[in-house]
C-alpha atoms as a PDB file:
ATOM      1  CA  MET A   1      73.776 116.314 104.105  1.00  0.00           C
ATOM      2  CA  LEU A   2      75.378 112.703 103.935  1.00  0.00           C
ATOM      3  CA  LEU A   3      76.005 111.014 107.347  1.00  0.00           C
ATOM      4  CA  VAL A   4      77.995 107.673 107.126  1.00  0.00           C
ATOM      5  CA  GLY A   5      78.907 105.436 109.657  1.00  0.00           C
ATOM      6  CA  GLY A   6      78.687 101.566 111.111  1.00  0.00           C
ATOM      7  CA  SER A   7      79.914  98.500 109.535  1.00  0.00           C
ATOM      8  CA  ARG A   8      80.202  96.465 106.504  1.00  0.00           C
ATOM      9  CA  TRP A   9      82.583  98.991 104.970  1.00  0.00           C
ATOM     10  CA  ASP A  10      85.625  98.396 102.907  1.00  0.00           C
ATOM     11  CA  ALA A  11      87.985 100.455 100.489  1.00  0.00           C
ATOM     12  CA  ALA A  12      86.003 100.205  97.527  1.00  0.00           C
ATOM     13  CA  ALA A  13      82.629 101.473  99.158  1.00  0.00           C
ATOM     14  CA  CYS A  14      84.820 104.273 100.743  1.00  0.00           C
ATOM     15  CA  ALA A  15      86.265 105.246  97.375  1.00  0.00           C
ATOM     16  CA  ALA A  16      82.725 105.122  95.854  1.00  0.00           C
ATOM     17  CA  LEU A  17      81.641 107.459  98.399  1.00  0.00           C
ATOM     18  CA  ALA A  18      84.574 109.893  97.914  1.00  0.00           C
ATOM     19  CA  GLU A  19      83.894 109.798  94.131  1.00  0.00           C
ATOM     20  CA  TYR A  20      80.199 110.354  94.477  1.00  0.00           C
ATOM     21  CA  VAL A  21      80.170 113.304  96.964  1.00  0.00           C
ATOM     22  CA  SER A  22      83.055 115.157  95.014  1.00  0.00           C
ATOM     23  CA  ARG A  23      81.068 114.806  91.756  1.00  0.00           C
ATOM     24  CA  ASN A  24      77.957 116.431  93.337  1.00  0.00           C
ATOM     25  CA  ALA A  25      79.564 118.835  95.799  1.00  0.00           C
ATOM     26  CA  LEU A  26      77.777 117.223  98.657  1.00  0.00           C
ATOM     27  CA  PRO A  27      78.726 117.607 102.434  1.00  0.00           C
ATOM     28  CA  VAL A  28      79.649 114.402 104.405  1.00  0.00           C
ATOM     29  CA  ALA A  29      79.692 113.968 108.342  1.00  0.00           C
ATOM     30  CA  CYS A  30      81.060 110.848 110.198  1.00  0.00           C
ATOM     31  CA  GLY A  31      79.250 109.109 112.936  1.00  0.00           C
ATOM     32  CA  PHE A  32      80.675 108.475 116.311  1.00  0.00           C
ATOM     33  CA  ARG A  33      84.153 107.000 116.317  1.00  0.00           C
ATOM     34  CA  ARG A  34      83.740 106.405 112.391  1.00  0.00           C
ATOM     35  CA  GLN A  35      85.916 109.413 111.185  1.00  0.00           C
ATOM     36  CA  ASP A  36      88.208 107.141 109.083  1.00  0.00           C
ATOM     37  CA  LEU A  37      85.445 106.428 106.565  1.00  0.00           C
ATOM     38  CA  PHE A  38      85.962 109.767 104.676  1.00  0.00           C
ATOM     39  CA  ASP A  39      89.300 111.718 104.428  1.00  0.00           C
ATOM     40  CA  ASN A  40      88.945 114.516 106.851  1.00  0.00           C
ATOM     41  CA  ARG A  41      91.036 116.728 104.675  1.00  0.00           C
ATOM     42  CA  ASN A  42      88.688 116.573 101.641  1.00  0.00           C
ATOM     43  CA  PRO A  43      86.747 119.822 101.156  1.00  0.00           C
ATOM     44  CA  ASN A  44      83.526 117.936 101.215  1.00  0.00           C
ATOM     45  CA  TYR A  45      84.192 116.972 105.030  1.00  0.00           C
ATOM     46  CA  ALA A  46      81.877 118.588 107.404  1.00  0.00           C
ATOM     47  CA  GLY A  47      83.066 116.870 110.726  1.00  0.00           C
ATOM     48  CA  ASP A  48      81.855 113.835 113.262  1.00  0.00           C
ATOM     49  CA  VAL A  49      78.712 113.535 114.773  1.00  0.00           C
ATOM     50  CA  GLY A  50      79.672 112.291 118.435  1.00  0.00           C
ATOM     51  CA  ILE A  51      79.930 113.683 121.727  1.00  0.00           C
ATOM     52  CA  GLY A  52      80.486 117.219 121.763  1.00  0.00           C
ATOM     53  CA  VAL A  53      79.371 117.823 118.260  1.00  0.00           C
ATOM     54  CA  ASN A  54      80.151 120.952 116.475  1.00  0.00           C
ATOM     55  CA  PRO A  55      77.062 123.220 116.969  1.00  0.00           C
ATOM     56  CA  ALA A  56      77.309 124.525 113.309  1.00  0.00           C
ATOM     57  CA  LEU A  57      77.276 121.046 112.058  1.00  0.00           C
ATOM     58  CA  ALA A  58      74.274 119.899 114.520  1.00  0.00           C
ATOM     59  CA  ALA A  59      72.546 122.866 112.813  1.00  0.00           C
ATOM     60  CA  ARG A  60      73.218 121.557 109.443  1.00  0.00           C
ATOM     61  CA  ILE A  61      72.092 118.061 110.006  1.00  0.00           C
ATOM     62  CA  ARG A  62      69.039 119.526 111.706  1.00  0.00           C
ATOM     63  CA  ASP A  63      68.171 121.980 108.866  1.00  0.00           C
ATOM     64  CA  ALA A  64      69.054 119.658 105.767  1.00  0.00           C
ATOM     65  CA  ASP A  65      66.165 119.247 103.595  1.00  0.00           C
ATOM     66  CA  VAL A  66      67.288 115.514 102.623  1.00  0.00           C
ATOM     67  CA  LEU A  67      69.598 113.675 105.398  1.00  0.00           C
ATOM     68  CA  VAL A  68      71.014 110.598 103.818  1.00  0.00           C
ATOM     69  CA  VAL A  69      72.296 108.104 106.360  1.00  0.00           C
ATOM     70  CA  ILE A  70      74.577 105.407 104.890  1.00  0.00           C
ATOM     71  CA  GLY A  71      75.337 102.396 107.534  1.00  0.00           C
ATOM     72  CA  GLU A  72      75.008 104.191 110.312  1.00  0.00           C
ATOM     73  CA  ARG A  73      72.289 102.760 112.829  1.00  0.00           C
ATOM     74  CA  LEU A  74      71.607 106.249 114.525  1.00  0.00           C
ATOM     75  CA  GLY A  75      72.500 105.029 118.009  1.00  0.00           C
ATOM     76  CA  GLU A  76      72.461 107.354 121.092  1.00  0.00           C
ATOM     77  CA  MET A  77      76.134 108.973 120.519  1.00  0.00           C
ATOM     78  CA  THR A  78      75.605 109.717 116.664  1.00  0.00           C
ATOM     79  CA  THR A  79      72.015 111.128 117.536  1.00  0.00           C
ATOM     80  CA  SER A  80      73.042 113.383 120.454  1.00  0.00           C
ATOM     81  CA  GLY A  81      70.712 111.320 122.792  1.00  0.00           C
ATOM     82  CA  TYR A  82      68.242 110.828 119.900  1.00  0.00           C
ATOM     83  CA  THR A  83      67.559 114.153 119.264  1.00  0.00           C
ATOM     84  CA  LEU A  84      69.527 114.582 116.075  1.00  0.00           C
ATOM     85  CA  PRO A  85      67.509 114.638 113.932  1.00  0.00           C
ATOM     86  CA  SER A  86      64.299 114.661 116.056  1.00  0.00           C
ATOM     87  CA  ALA A  87      62.773 111.244 116.931  1.00  0.00           C
ATOM     88  CA  PRO A  88      60.603 109.386 116.090  1.00  0.00           C
ATOM     89  CA  LEU A  89      59.441 111.722 113.269  1.00  0.00           C
ATOM     90  CA  PRO A  90      62.398 113.719 111.652  1.00  0.00           C
ATOM     91  CA  SER A  91      61.196 117.135 110.754  1.00  0.00           C
ATOM     92  CA  ARG A  92      62.977 116.881 107.081  1.00  0.00           C
ATOM     93  CA  LEU A  93      63.419 114.180 104.613  1.00  0.00           C
ATOM     94  CA  LEU A  94      65.386 111.125 106.002  1.00  0.00           C
ATOM     95  CA  VAL A  95      66.850 108.543 103.640  1.00  0.00           C
ATOM     96  CA  HIS A  96      68.172 105.767 106.014  1.00  0.00           C
ATOM     97  CA  VAL A  97      70.155 102.973 104.617  1.00  0.00           C
ATOM     98  CA  HIS A  98      71.300 100.060 106.524  1.00  0.00           C
ATOM     99  CA  PRO A  99      72.193  96.578 105.931  1.00  0.00           C
ATOM    100  CA  GLY A 100      70.018  95.305 108.688  1.00  0.00           C
ATOM    101  CA  ALA A 101      66.517  95.594 107.975  1.00  0.00           C
ATOM    102  CA  GLU A 102      65.666  95.507 111.718  1.00  0.00           C
ATOM    103  CA  GLU A 103      67.228  98.722 112.310  1.00  0.00           C
ATOM    104  CA  LEU A 104      65.405 100.722 109.749  1.00  0.00           C
ATOM    105  CA  GLY A 105      62.391 102.457 111.639  1.00  0.00           C
ATOM    106  CA  ARG A 106      63.565 101.446 114.910  1.00  0.00           C
ATOM    107  CA  VAL A 107      63.717 104.535 116.545  1.00  0.00           C
ATOM    108  CA  PHE A 108      63.636 107.317 113.571  1.00  0.00           C
ATOM    109  CA  ARG A 109      60.800 106.951 110.777  1.00  0.00           C
ATOM    110  CA  PRO A 110      62.600 107.219 107.506  1.00  0.00           C
ATOM    111  CA  SER A 111      60.964 108.996 104.589  1.00  0.00           C
ATOM    112  CA  VAL A 112      62.621 106.202 102.499  1.00  0.00           C
ATOM    113  CA  ALA A 113      64.113 102.854 104.096  1.00  0.00           C
ATOM    114  CA  ILE A 114      66.895 100.725 102.151  1.00  0.00           C
ATOM    115  CA  ALA A 115      67.773  97.640 103.555  1.00  0.00           C
ATOM    116  CA  ALA A 116      71.485  97.424 101.708  1.00  0.00           C
ATOM    117  CA  THR A 117      75.354  97.568 102.458  1.00  0.00           C
ATOM    118  CA  PRO A 118      77.168 100.673 101.903  1.00  0.00           C
ATOM    119  CA  GLY A 119      79.004  99.390  99.031  1.00  0.00           C
ATOM    120  CA  ALA A 120      75.861  98.252  97.105  1.00  0.00           C
ATOM    121  CA  PHE A 121      73.968 101.341  97.996  1.00  0.00           C
ATOM    122  CA  LEU A 122      76.852 103.330  96.619  1.00  0.00           C
ATOM    123  CA  ALA A 123      77.249 101.255  93.644  1.00  0.00           C
ATOM    124  CA  ALA A 124      73.691 102.160  92.566  1.00  0.00           C
ATOM    125  CA  LEU A 125      73.850 105.742  93.467  1.00  0.00           C
ATOM    126  CA  ALA A 126      76.892 105.836  90.742  1.00  0.00           C
ATOM    127  CA  ALA A 127      74.649 104.855  88.017  1.00  0.00           C
ATOM    128  CA  LEU A 128      72.500 107.993  88.863  1.00  0.00           C
ATOM    129  CA  PRO A 129      72.744 111.233  86.935  1.00  0.00           C
ATOM    130  CA  THR A 130      74.789 114.072  88.522  1.00  0.00           C
ATOM    131  CA  PHE A 131      73.043 116.796  90.509  1.00  0.00           C
ATOM    132  CA  PRO A 132      73.309 120.447  89.470  1.00  0.00           C
ATOM    133  CA  ALA A 133      76.052 120.912  92.397  1.00  0.00           C
ATOM    134  CA  ARG A 134      76.232 124.466  91.931  1.00  0.00           C
ATOM    135  CA  ARG A 135      73.131 124.713  94.336  1.00  0.00           C
ATOM    136  CA  TRP A 136      75.046 123.494  97.025  1.00  0.00           C
ATOM    137  CA  ARG A 137      78.555 123.938  96.529  1.00  0.00           C
ATOM    138  CA  GLU A 138      78.974 127.032  98.629  1.00  0.00           C
ATOM    139  CA  ALA A 139      77.148 125.586 101.708  1.00  0.00           C
ATOM    140  CA  THR A 140      79.445 122.358 101.293  1.00  0.00           C
ATOM    141  CA  ALA A 141      82.478 124.724 101.290  1.00  0.00           C
ATOM    142  CA  ALA A 142      81.187 126.411 104.534  1.00  0.00           C
ATOM    143  CA  ALA A 143      80.608 123.142 106.156  1.00  0.00           C
ATOM    144  CA  HIS A 144      84.398 122.229 105.569  1.00  0.00           C
ATOM    145  CA  ALA A 145      85.421 125.764 106.838  1.00  0.00           C
ATOM    146  CA  ASP A 146      83.425 125.293 109.805  1.00  0.00           C
ATOM    147  CA  TYR A 147      85.091 121.882 110.603  1.00  0.00           C
ATOM    148  CA  GLU A 148      88.454 123.646 110.122  1.00  0.00           C
ATOM    149  CA  ALA A 149      87.721 126.281 112.637  1.00  0.00           C
ATOM    150  CA  TRP A 150      86.385 124.036 115.200  1.00  0.00           C
ATOM    151  CA  ARG A 151      89.686 121.835 115.321  1.00  0.00           C
ATOM    152  CA  ALA A 152      91.332 125.057 115.866  1.00  0.00           C
ATOM    153  CA  PRO A 153      93.630 125.020 119.351  1.00  0.00           C
ATOM    154  CA  ARG A 154      91.907 126.748 122.172  1.00  0.00           C
ATOM    155  CA  PRO A 155      94.042 128.162 125.442  1.00  0.00           C
ATOM    156  CA  VAL A 156      94.534 125.457 128.095  1.00  0.00           C
ATOM    157  CA  PRO A 157      95.874 125.797 131.571  1.00  0.00           C
ATOM    158  CA  GLY A 158      99.256 124.015 132.249  1.00  0.00           C
ATOM    159  CA  ASP A 159     102.509 123.324 130.408  1.00  0.00           C
ATOM    160  CA  VAL A 160     101.004 120.458 128.298  1.00  0.00           C
ATOM    161  CA  ASP A 161      98.859 121.551 125.852  1.00  0.00           C
ATOM    162  CA  LEU A 162      96.952 118.584 124.337  1.00  0.00           C
ATOM    163  CA  TRP A 163      95.787 120.562 121.270  1.00  0.00           C
ATOM    164  CA  GLN A 164      99.286 121.332 120.178  1.00  0.00           C
ATOM    165  CA  VAL A 165     100.150 117.793 120.556  1.00  0.00           C
ATOM    166  CA  VAL A 166      97.514 116.286 118.719  1.00  0.00           C
ATOM    167  CA  ARG A 167      97.996 118.849 115.911  1.00  0.00           C
ATOM    168  CA  TRP A 168     101.747 117.677 115.644  1.00  0.00           C
ATOM    169  CA  LEU A 169     100.645 114.060 115.366  1.00  0.00           C
ATOM    170  CA  ASP A 170      98.321 115.201 112.659  1.00  0.00           C
ATOM    171  CA  GLU A 171     100.977 116.755 110.700  1.00  0.00           C
ATOM    172  CA  ARG A 172     103.750 114.044 111.603  1.00  0.00           C
ATOM    173  CA  LEU A 173     102.050 110.644 111.118  1.00  0.00           C
ATOM    174  CA  PRO A 174     101.981 108.759 107.895  1.00  0.00           C
ATOM    175  CA  GLU A 175      98.678 108.371 106.038  1.00  0.00           C
ATOM    176  CA  ASP A 176      98.058 104.479 107.140  1.00  0.00           C
ATOM    177  CA  THR A 177      98.778 105.299 111.100  1.00  0.00           C
ATOM    178  CA  ILE A 178      96.459 103.205 113.217  1.00  0.00           C
ATOM    179  CA  LEU A 179      95.260 104.941 116.271  1.00  0.00           C
ATOM    180  CA  ALA A 180      93.411 103.415 118.930  1.00  0.00           C
ATOM    181  CA  ASN A 181      91.730 105.057 122.013  1.00  0.00           C
ATOM    182  CA  GLY A 182      89.585 104.208 124.788  1.00  0.00           C
ATOM    183  CA  ALA A 183      86.740 106.162 126.399  1.00  0.00           C
ATOM    184  CA  GLY A 184      86.752 109.498 128.551  1.00  0.00           C
ATOM    185  CA  ASN A 185      87.542 113.151 128.139  1.00  0.00           C
ATOM    186  CA  TYR A 186      90.971 112.974 127.000  1.00  0.00           C
ATOM    187  CA  THR A 187      89.542 111.160 123.612  1.00  0.00           C
ATOM    188  CA  THR A 188      88.049 114.303 122.537  1.00  0.00           C
ATOM    189  CA  TRP A 189      91.266 115.992 121.483  1.00  0.00           C
ATOM    190  CA  LEU A 190      92.061 113.139 119.239  1.00  0.00           C
ATOM    191  CA  HIS A 191      88.455 112.978 117.650  1.00  0.00           C
ATOM    192  CA  ARG A 192      88.584 116.760 117.074  1.00  0.00           C
ATOM    193  CA  ALA A 193      92.037 117.957 116.231  1.00  0.00           C
ATOM    194  CA  TYR A 194      93.483 114.969 114.351  1.00  0.00           C
ATOM    195  CA  ARG A 195      92.396 114.076 110.814  1.00  0.00           C
ATOM    196  CA  TYR A 196      92.118 110.455 109.732  1.00  0.00           C
ATOM    197  CA  ARG A 197      92.706 109.869 106.016  1.00  0.00           C
ATOM    198  CA  ARG A 198      91.942 106.374 105.391  1.00  0.00           C
ATOM    199  CA  PRO A 199      89.686 103.569 106.239  1.00  0.00           C
ATOM    200  CA  GLY A 200      90.638 101.325 108.684  1.00  0.00           C
ATOM    201  CA  THR A 201      92.884 103.847 110.661  1.00  0.00           C
ATOM    202  CA  GLN A 202      90.835 104.426 113.915  1.00  0.00           C
ATOM    203  CA  LEU A 203      90.041 102.160 116.523  1.00  0.00           C
ATOM    204  CA  GLY A 204      87.721 103.266 119.189  1.00  0.00           C
ATOM    205  CA  PRO A 205      85.120 101.522 121.469  1.00  0.00           C
ATOM    206  CA  TYR A 206      81.726 102.650 120.027  1.00  0.00           C
ATOM    207  CA  SER A 207      80.131 101.418 123.115  1.00  0.00           C
ATOM    208  CA  GLY A 208      82.238 103.736 125.256  1.00  0.00           C
ATOM    209  CA  SER A 209      83.981 100.933 127.239  1.00  0.00           C
ATOM    210  CA  MET A 210      87.187 102.034 128.805  1.00  0.00           C
ATOM    211  CA  GLY A 211      90.245  99.907 128.583  1.00  0.00           C
ATOM    212  CA  TYR A 212      89.938  99.506 124.935  1.00  0.00           C
ATOM    213  CA  ALA A 213      92.915 101.291 123.496  1.00  0.00           C
ATOM    214  CA  VAL A 214      96.044  98.983 124.778  1.00  0.00           C
ATOM    215  CA  PRO A 215      94.573  95.377 123.685  1.00  0.00           C
ATOM    216  CA  ALA A 216      93.211  97.099 120.373  1.00  0.00           C
ATOM    217  CA  ALA A 217      96.375  98.491 119.525  1.00  0.00           C
ATOM    218  CA  ILE A 218      98.504  95.351 120.286  1.00  0.00           C
ATOM    219  CA  ALA A 219      96.342  93.237 117.770  1.00  0.00           C
ATOM    220  CA  ALA A 220      96.589  96.029 115.159  1.00  0.00           C
ATOM    221  CA  LYS A 221     100.390  96.036 115.404  1.00  0.00           C
ATOM    222  CA  LEU A 222     100.425  92.364 115.225  1.00  0.00           C
ATOM    223  CA  LEU A 223      98.395  92.233 112.376  1.00  0.00           C
ATOM    224  CA  HIS A 224      99.928  95.509 110.254  1.00  0.00           C
ATOM    225  CA  GLY A 225     103.338  95.190 111.458  1.00  0.00           C
ATOM    226  CA  ASP A 226     104.713  97.365 109.119  1.00  0.00           C
ATOM    227  CA  ARG A 227     102.412 100.377 110.135  1.00  0.00           C
ATOM    228  CA  ILE A 228     102.889 102.836 113.054  1.00  0.00           C
ATOM    229  CA  VAL A 229     100.173 102.086 115.769  1.00  0.00           C
ATOM    230  CA  VAL A 230      99.285 104.773 118.390  1.00  0.00           C
ATOM    231  CA  SER A 231      97.497 103.814 121.669  1.00  0.00           C
ATOM    232  CA  TRP A 232      95.893 106.557 122.976  1.00  0.00           C
ATOM    233  CA  ASN A 233      94.950 106.200 126.667  1.00  0.00           C
ATOM    234  CA  GLY A 234      93.865 108.215 129.834  1.00  0.00           C
ATOM    235  CA  ASP A 235      95.187 107.243 133.024  1.00  0.00           C
ATOM    236  CA  GLY A 236      92.128 105.366 134.177  1.00  0.00           C
ATOM    237  CA  CYS A 237      91.772 103.767 130.787  1.00  0.00           C
ATOM    238  CA  PHE A 238      95.204 102.440 130.746  1.00  0.00           C
ATOM    239  CA  LEU A 239      95.200 101.009 134.251  1.00  0.00           C
ATOM    240  CA  MET A 240      92.274  98.630 133.280  1.00  0.00           C
ATOM    241  CA  ASN A 241      94.329  96.845 130.575  1.00  0.00           C
ATOM    242  CA  GLY A 242      98.057  98.276 130.909  1.00  0.00           C
ATOM    243  CA  GLN A 243      99.119  94.714 132.145  1.00  0.00           C
ATOM    244  CA  GLU A 244      98.998  93.454 128.374  1.00  0.00           C
ATOM    245  CA  LEU A 245     102.172  95.672 128.001  1.00  0.00           C
ATOM    246  CA  ALA A 246     103.703  92.439 129.026  1.00  0.00           C
ATOM    247  CA  THR A 247     102.023  90.769 125.601  1.00  0.00           C
ATOM    248  CA  ALA A 248     103.484  93.728 123.589  1.00  0.00           C
ATOM    249  CA  VAL A 249     106.927  93.146 124.716  1.00  0.00           C
ATOM    250  CA  GLN A 250     106.908  89.446 124.476  1.00  0.00           C
ATOM    251  CA  TYR A 251     105.563  89.598 120.738  1.00  0.00           C
ATOM    252  CA  ASP A 252     107.320  92.599 119.752  1.00  0.00           C
ATOM    253  CA  ALA A 253     104.575  94.425 119.002  1.00  0.00           C
ATOM    254  CA  ALA A 254     106.397  98.033 118.831  1.00  0.00           C
ATOM    255  CA  VAL A 255     103.195 100.041 119.780  1.00  0.00           C
ATOM    256  CA  VAL A 256     103.537 103.690 120.860  1.00  0.00           C
ATOM    257  CA  PHE A 257     101.458 103.884 123.999  1.00  0.00           C
ATOM    258  CA  VAL A 258     100.310 107.521 125.250  1.00  0.00           C
ATOM    259  CA  VAL A 259      99.144 107.686 128.812  1.00  0.00           C
ATOM    260  CA  ILE A 260      97.235 111.062 129.591  1.00  0.00           C
ATOM    261  CA  ASP A 261      97.779 111.139 133.210  1.00  0.00           C
ATOM    262  CA  ASN A 262      95.489 113.860 135.113  1.00  0.00           C
ATOM    263  CA  GLY A 263      95.195 111.843 138.387  1.00  0.00           C
ATOM    264  CA  MET A 264      91.575 111.027 137.833  1.00  0.00           C
ATOM    265  CA  PHE A 265      88.952 109.776 136.087  1.00  0.00           C
ATOM    266  CA  GLY A 266      88.154 113.012 134.207  1.00  0.00           C
ATOM    267  CA  THR A 267      84.855 112.312 132.634  1.00  0.00           C
ATOM    268  CA  ILE A 268      83.067 111.100 135.875  1.00  0.00           C
ATOM    269  CA  ARG A 269      84.634 114.388 137.658  1.00  0.00           C
ATOM    270  CA  MET A 270      83.602 116.428 135.050  1.00  0.00           C
ATOM    271  CA  HIS A 271      79.856 115.299 135.787  1.00  0.00           C
ATOM    272  CA  GLN A 272      80.320 115.414 139.489  1.00  0.00           C
ATOM    273  CA  GLU A 273      81.269 118.877 139.179  1.00  0.00           C
ATOM    274  CA  ARG A 274      78.475 119.927 136.830  1.00  0.00           C
ATOM    275  CA  ARG A 275      75.886 118.305 139.004  1.00  0.00           C
ATOM    276  CA  TYR A 276      77.313 118.280 142.734  1.00  0.00           C
ATOM    277  CA  PRO A 277      80.053 120.956 142.406  1.00  0.00           C
ATOM    278  CA  ALA A 278      82.793 120.205 145.071  1.00  0.00           C
ATOM    279  CA  ARG A 279      81.245 117.253 146.193  1.00  0.00           C
ATOM    280  CA  VAL A 280      83.972 114.607 144.593  1.00  0.00           C
ATOM    281  CA  VAL A 281      83.704 111.112 145.642  1.00  0.00           C
ATOM    282  CA  GLY A 282      85.912 108.331 144.023  1.00  0.00           C
ATOM    283  CA  SER A 283      87.368 109.958 140.947  1.00  0.00           C
ATOM    284  CA  ASP A 284      90.929 110.560 142.187  1.00  0.00           C
ATOM    285  CA  LEU A 285      93.367 108.509 141.398  1.00  0.00           C
ATOM    286  CA  ARG A 286      96.849 107.471 143.072  1.00  0.00           C
ATOM    287  CA  ASN A 287      99.009 106.700 139.746  1.00  0.00           C
ATOM    288  CA  PRO A 288     102.191 104.965 139.507  1.00  0.00           C
ATOM    289  CA  ASP A 289     105.238 106.390 137.538  1.00  0.00           C
ATOM    290  CA  PHE A 290     104.166 104.965 134.370  1.00  0.00           C
ATOM    291  CA  ALA A 291     107.306 105.266 132.429  1.00  0.00           C
ATOM    292  CA  ALA A 292     109.152 103.556 134.995  1.00  0.00           C
ATOM    293  CA  LEU A 293     106.466 100.821 134.967  1.00  0.00           C
ATOM    294  CA  ALA A 294     106.854 100.392 130.992  1.00  0.00           C
ATOM    295  CA  ARG A 295     110.482 100.098 131.741  1.00  0.00           C
ATOM    296  CA  ALA A 296     110.076  97.458 134.217  1.00  0.00           C
ATOM    297  CA  PHE A 297     108.141  95.371 131.548  1.00  0.00           C
ATOM    298  CA  GLY A 298     110.725  95.727 129.021  1.00  0.00           C
ATOM    299  CA  ALA A 299     109.430  98.711 127.094  1.00  0.00           C
ATOM    300  CA  HIS A 300     110.911 101.972 126.321  1.00  0.00           C
ATOM    301  CA  GLY A 301     109.331 104.428 128.577  1.00  0.00           C
ATOM    302  CA  GLU A 302     109.703 108.486 128.923  1.00  0.00           C
ATOM    303  CA  THR A 303     107.741 111.243 130.862  1.00  0.00           C
ATOM    304  CA  VAL A 304     106.395 114.145 128.936  1.00  0.00           C
ATOM    305  CA  ARG A 305     105.891 117.374 131.215  1.00  0.00           C
ATOM    306  CA  ALA A 306     105.831 120.160 128.571  1.00  0.00           C
ATOM    307  CA  THR A 307     104.587 120.500 125.122  1.00  0.00           C
ATOM    308  CA  ARG A 308     107.699 121.046 123.756  1.00  0.00           C
ATOM    309  CA  ASP A 309     109.041 117.768 125.117  1.00  0.00           C
ATOM    310  CA  PHE A 310     106.193 115.695 123.229  1.00  0.00           C
ATOM    311  CA  ALA A 311     107.593 115.655 119.686  1.00  0.00           C
ATOM    312  CA  PRO A 312     111.378 114.558 120.607  1.00  0.00           C
ATOM    313  CA  ALA A 313     109.943 111.954 122.873  1.00  0.00           C
ATOM    314  CA  PHE A 314     107.588 110.447 120.337  1.00  0.00           C
ATOM    315  CA  GLU A 315     110.626 110.335 117.770  1.00  0.00           C
ATOM    316  CA  ARG A 316     112.911 108.449 120.376  1.00  0.00           C
ATOM    317  CA  ALA A 317     109.854 106.195 121.188  1.00  0.00           C
ATOM    318  CA  LEU A 318     109.455 105.338 117.390  1.00  0.00           C
ATOM    319  CA  ALA A 319     113.196 104.918 117.095  1.00  0.00           C
ATOM    320  CA  ALA A 320     113.216 102.307 120.022  1.00  0.00           C
ATOM    321  CA  GLY A 321     112.091  99.438 117.708  1.00  0.00           C
ATOM    322  CA  ARG A 322     110.024  98.040 120.964  1.00  0.00           C
ATOM    323  CA  PRO A 323     106.887  98.856 122.601  1.00  0.00           C
ATOM    324  CA  ALA A 324     107.206 102.351 124.022  1.00  0.00           C
ATOM    325  CA  LEU A 325     105.419 104.382 126.610  1.00  0.00           C
ATOM    326  CA  LEU A 326     104.910 108.163 126.867  1.00  0.00           C
ATOM    327  CA  HIS A 327     103.652 109.376 130.006  1.00  0.00           C
ATOM    328  CA  VAL A 328     102.198 112.684 129.555  1.00  0.00           C
ATOM    329  CA  LEU A 329     101.010 114.983 132.731  1.00  0.00           C
ATOM    330  CA  PRO A 330      98.706 117.682 131.640  1.00  0.00           C
ATOM    331  CA  ASP A 331      97.380 119.922 134.355  1.00  0.00           C
ATOM    332  CA  PRO A 332      94.380 118.719 135.867  1.00  0.00           C
ATOM    333  CA  GLN A 333      92.768 121.903 135.416  1.00  0.00           C
ATOM    334  CA  ALA A 334      92.700 120.984 131.808  1.00  0.00           C
ATOM    335  CA  LEU A 335      89.591 118.766 132.258  1.00  0.00           C
ATOM    336  CA  THR A 336      87.852 119.612 129.000  1.00  0.00           C
ATOM    337  CA  MET A 337      88.683 121.048 125.535  1.00  0.00           C
ATOM    338  CA  SER A 338      86.723 124.194 126.521  1.00  0.00           C
ATOM    339  CA  ALA A 339      86.602 124.539 130.187  1.00  0.00           C
ATOM    340  CA  SER A 340      88.918 124.469 133.279  1.00  0.00           C
ATOM    341  CA  LEU A 341      87.843 122.253 136.268  1.00  0.00           C
ATOM    342  CA  ASP A 342      87.422 125.518 138.232  1.00  0.00           C
ATOM    343  CA  ALA A 343      85.470 127.037 135.640  1.00  0.00           C
ATOM    344  CA  ILE A 344      82.893 124.049 135.610  1.00  0.00           C
ATOM    345  CA  ARG A 345      82.596 124.111 139.167  1.00  0.00           C
ATOM    346  CA  THR A 346      82.206 127.778 139.490  1.00  0.00           C
ATOM    347  CA  ASP A 347      79.409 127.720 136.583  1.00  0.00           C
ATOM    348  CA  ALA A 348      77.808 124.899 138.409  1.00  0.00           C
ATOM    349  CA  LEU A 349      77.796 126.880 141.836  1.00  0.00           C
ATOM    350  CA  ARG A 350      76.561 129.815 140.063  1.00  0.00           C
ATOM    351  CA  ARG A 351      73.423 127.888 138.187  1.00  0.00           C
ATOM    352  CA  ARG A 352      72.557 126.354 141.535  1.00  0.00           C
ATOM    353  CA  SER A 353      72.611 129.825 143.454  1.00  0.00           C
ATOM    354  CA  VAL A 354      70.134 131.119 140.609  1.00  0.00           C
ATOM    355  CA  ALA A 355      67.815 128.001 141.037  1.00  0.00           C
ATOM    356  CA  GLU A 356      67.835 128.520 144.871  1.00  0.00           C
ATOM    357  CA  ARG A 357      66.912 132.110 144.437  1.00  0.00           C
END
């Protein structure tokens, strides 16, 4: 299994990666918020290793005879809290390639440590003989099938289905579209259901900081004015830097800002309900009409209350020729991709009752 991430990548290194794994029928996983390093539609793609990792992918990484990590520093998010692989001594062969020698062996003790940039390492790999790929071609195909199954929509409560919204964006947007997101539960739909095609198209805070998507998207649009740029925000995230709509309008940065408004800090609420069910403190939000706020700044603004309304609203936002904001109102019960707010609370209360007995 190859696991790629980190920095110092360029288009040539990504192309070399694609050529090498195709020639050798190897599976590739991408680190946390580095999904754009490898075309997610490629039959060798096994998925991303981040928050809420696909259990099938986690098992593959854990059981791989050889795990080759290229560029990724193996931080907390990519390793599921330093458990994937096991720390400090992985149970299987670990080859760790990183441009900073100080990262090699910092947490995980690799069997082979190589201080090199991704491009230099992949150039050296290209000179090696081709493996007998038939040995793992079937396993690689199964890994990609598991990825596709993992991104298949699940039922969610309410009139707005973010699974379907992101799946539509995945089919509609050009390959060079740049998507920026902040931090929170709302980002998981984007990470899991959207397929990144090209390097330099995913902007996300590796540190998990909120408020990132608005300024990142504006900067991206100013640099790449000919490309579609989408800023994907939660309501709490947007409120941290939403005033930069003024900058977007001032400099004609025609970003499409999507604000997912469930009236709460969703991730914090999720953890509150899991640990202290029904004891909610400081996670509710009293939000403005974000579409009206956008229009007050001079941007195009619309409200989306149902899944079927998102696609035409998005097309109008693109056609507006100026910054545009879509205020999307999902059911607050749709707190995560797999469980409703009530289900999380009920499960926590059940576990507490069992523990008390």
